[in-house]
Amino acid sequence: MSERLAQLGELCTCGRQAVTVYITERFGEVGYCGRSDGGDRMRPCPFCQGERHEGRCPSYRLRLVGEDEGVRISHRVGGAS
């Protein structure tokens, strides 16, 4: 397995902005935010909109394609706007 720095918009399996992207044989590129808490458990899964998963969501994508899929990214990276 190898890794690289994440680019803006690449997501962890919990839905946060990724800091590292692991390149795996089984799942391809998988983002990691550096926190192992599983994300915000009070909100639905950001990838399938269902209940949160114990592991990786089967619908996980490194990047959300767009609002046409019914999902919006509200992450801010860096300073305030």
Protein backbone atom coordinates (compact mmCIF):
# COMPACT_ATOMS: atom_id res chain seq x y z
CA MET A 1 0.00 0.00 0.00
CA SER A 2 1.28 3.47 -0.78
CA GLU A 3 0.03 6.92 0.14
CA ARG A 4 0.02 10.55 -1.01
CA LEU A 5 -1.10 13.91 0.32
CA ALA A 6 -4.80 14.56 -0.23
CA GLN A 7 -6.03 17.33 -2.48
CA LEU A 8 -8.79 19.78 -1.60
CA GLY A 9 -12.15 18.05 -1.98
CA GLU A 10 -10.87 14.53 -1.36
CA LEU A 11 -12.76 12.99 1.53
CA CYS A 12 -12.10 10.62 4.38
CA THR A 13 -14.44 7.66 4.82
CA CYS A 14 -16.09 9.67 7.65
CA GLY A 15 -16.88 12.57 5.30
CA ARG A 16 -14.25 15.06 6.51
CA GLN A 17 -11.57 16.58 4.28
CA ALA A 18 -8.83 13.96 3.89
CA VAL A 19 -5.19 14.77 4.68
CA THR A 20 -3.77 11.51 3.32
CA VAL A 21 -4.95 9.26 0.51
CA TYR A 22 -3.99 5.59 0.76
CA ILE A 23 -3.72 3.70 -2.50
CA THR A 24 -4.95 0.17 -1.93
CA GLU A 25 -5.38 -2.89 -4.14
CA ARG A 26 -8.79 -3.76 -2.72
CA PHE A 27 -10.52 -0.34 -2.60
CA GLY A 28 -8.36 1.90 -4.81
CA GLU A 29 -7.75 5.37 -3.37
CA VAL A 30 -9.13 5.88 0.15
CA GLY A 31 -8.94 9.17 2.04
CA TYR A 32 -8.08 9.53 5.73
CA CYS A 33 -8.59 12.68 7.83
CA GLY A 34 -6.25 11.66 10.65
CA ARG A 35 -9.02 11.10 13.19
CA SER A 36 -10.37 7.66 14.03
CA ASP A 37 -13.66 8.76 15.62
CA GLY A 38 -15.86 7.86 12.63
CA GLY A 39 -17.15 11.39 12.05
CA ASP A 40 -20.39 13.00 13.16
CA ARG A 41 -22.57 10.10 14.34
CA MET A 42 -25.62 12.37 14.69
CA ARG A 43 -25.84 12.98 10.95
CA PRO A 44 -26.48 10.50 8.15
CA CYS A 45 -23.67 8.92 6.19
CA PRO A 46 -22.42 11.55 3.69
CA PHE A 47 -22.12 8.97 0.92
CA CYS A 48 -25.37 6.97 1.06
CA GLN A 49 -27.48 9.26 3.32
CA GLY A 50 -28.35 6.22 5.47
CA GLU A 51 -27.33 5.42 9.02
CA ARG A 52 -23.63 5.69 9.87
CA HIS A 53 -21.54 2.56 9.27
CA GLU A 54 -19.06 0.91 11.59
CA GLY A 55 -16.62 0.61 8.69
CA ARG A 56 -16.32 2.08 5.23
CA CYS A 57 -19.62 2.83 3.44
CA PRO A 58 -20.12 0.65 0.35
CA SER A 59 -21.00 3.89 -1.50
CA TYR A 60 -17.80 5.71 -0.43
CA ARG A 61 -16.17 7.89 -3.07
CA LEU A 62 -12.93 9.84 -2.67
CA ARG A 63 -14.66 12.87 -4.20
CA LEU A 64 -18.35 13.69 -4.23
CA VAL A 65 -19.35 14.17 -7.84
CA GLY A 66 -21.78 17.06 -7.34
CA GLU A 67 -25.03 18.37 -5.98
CA ASP A 68 -26.98 16.36 -8.53
CA GLU A 69 -26.39 13.38 -6.23
CA GLY A 70 -28.19 15.18 -3.41
CA VAL A 71 -25.09 15.70 -1.27
CA ARG A 72 -23.39 19.01 -0.45
CA ILE A 73 -19.96 19.55 1.02
CA SER A 74 -19.83 22.15 3.77
CA HIS A 75 -16.20 21.69 4.81
CA ARG A 76 -14.00 24.78 5.08
CA VAL A 77 -10.28 24.34 4.91
CA GLY A 78 -8.06 27.21 6.05
CA GLY A 79 -9.22 30.59 7.32
CA ALA A 80 -12.67 32.06 7.63
CA SER A 81 -14.42 33.44 4.59
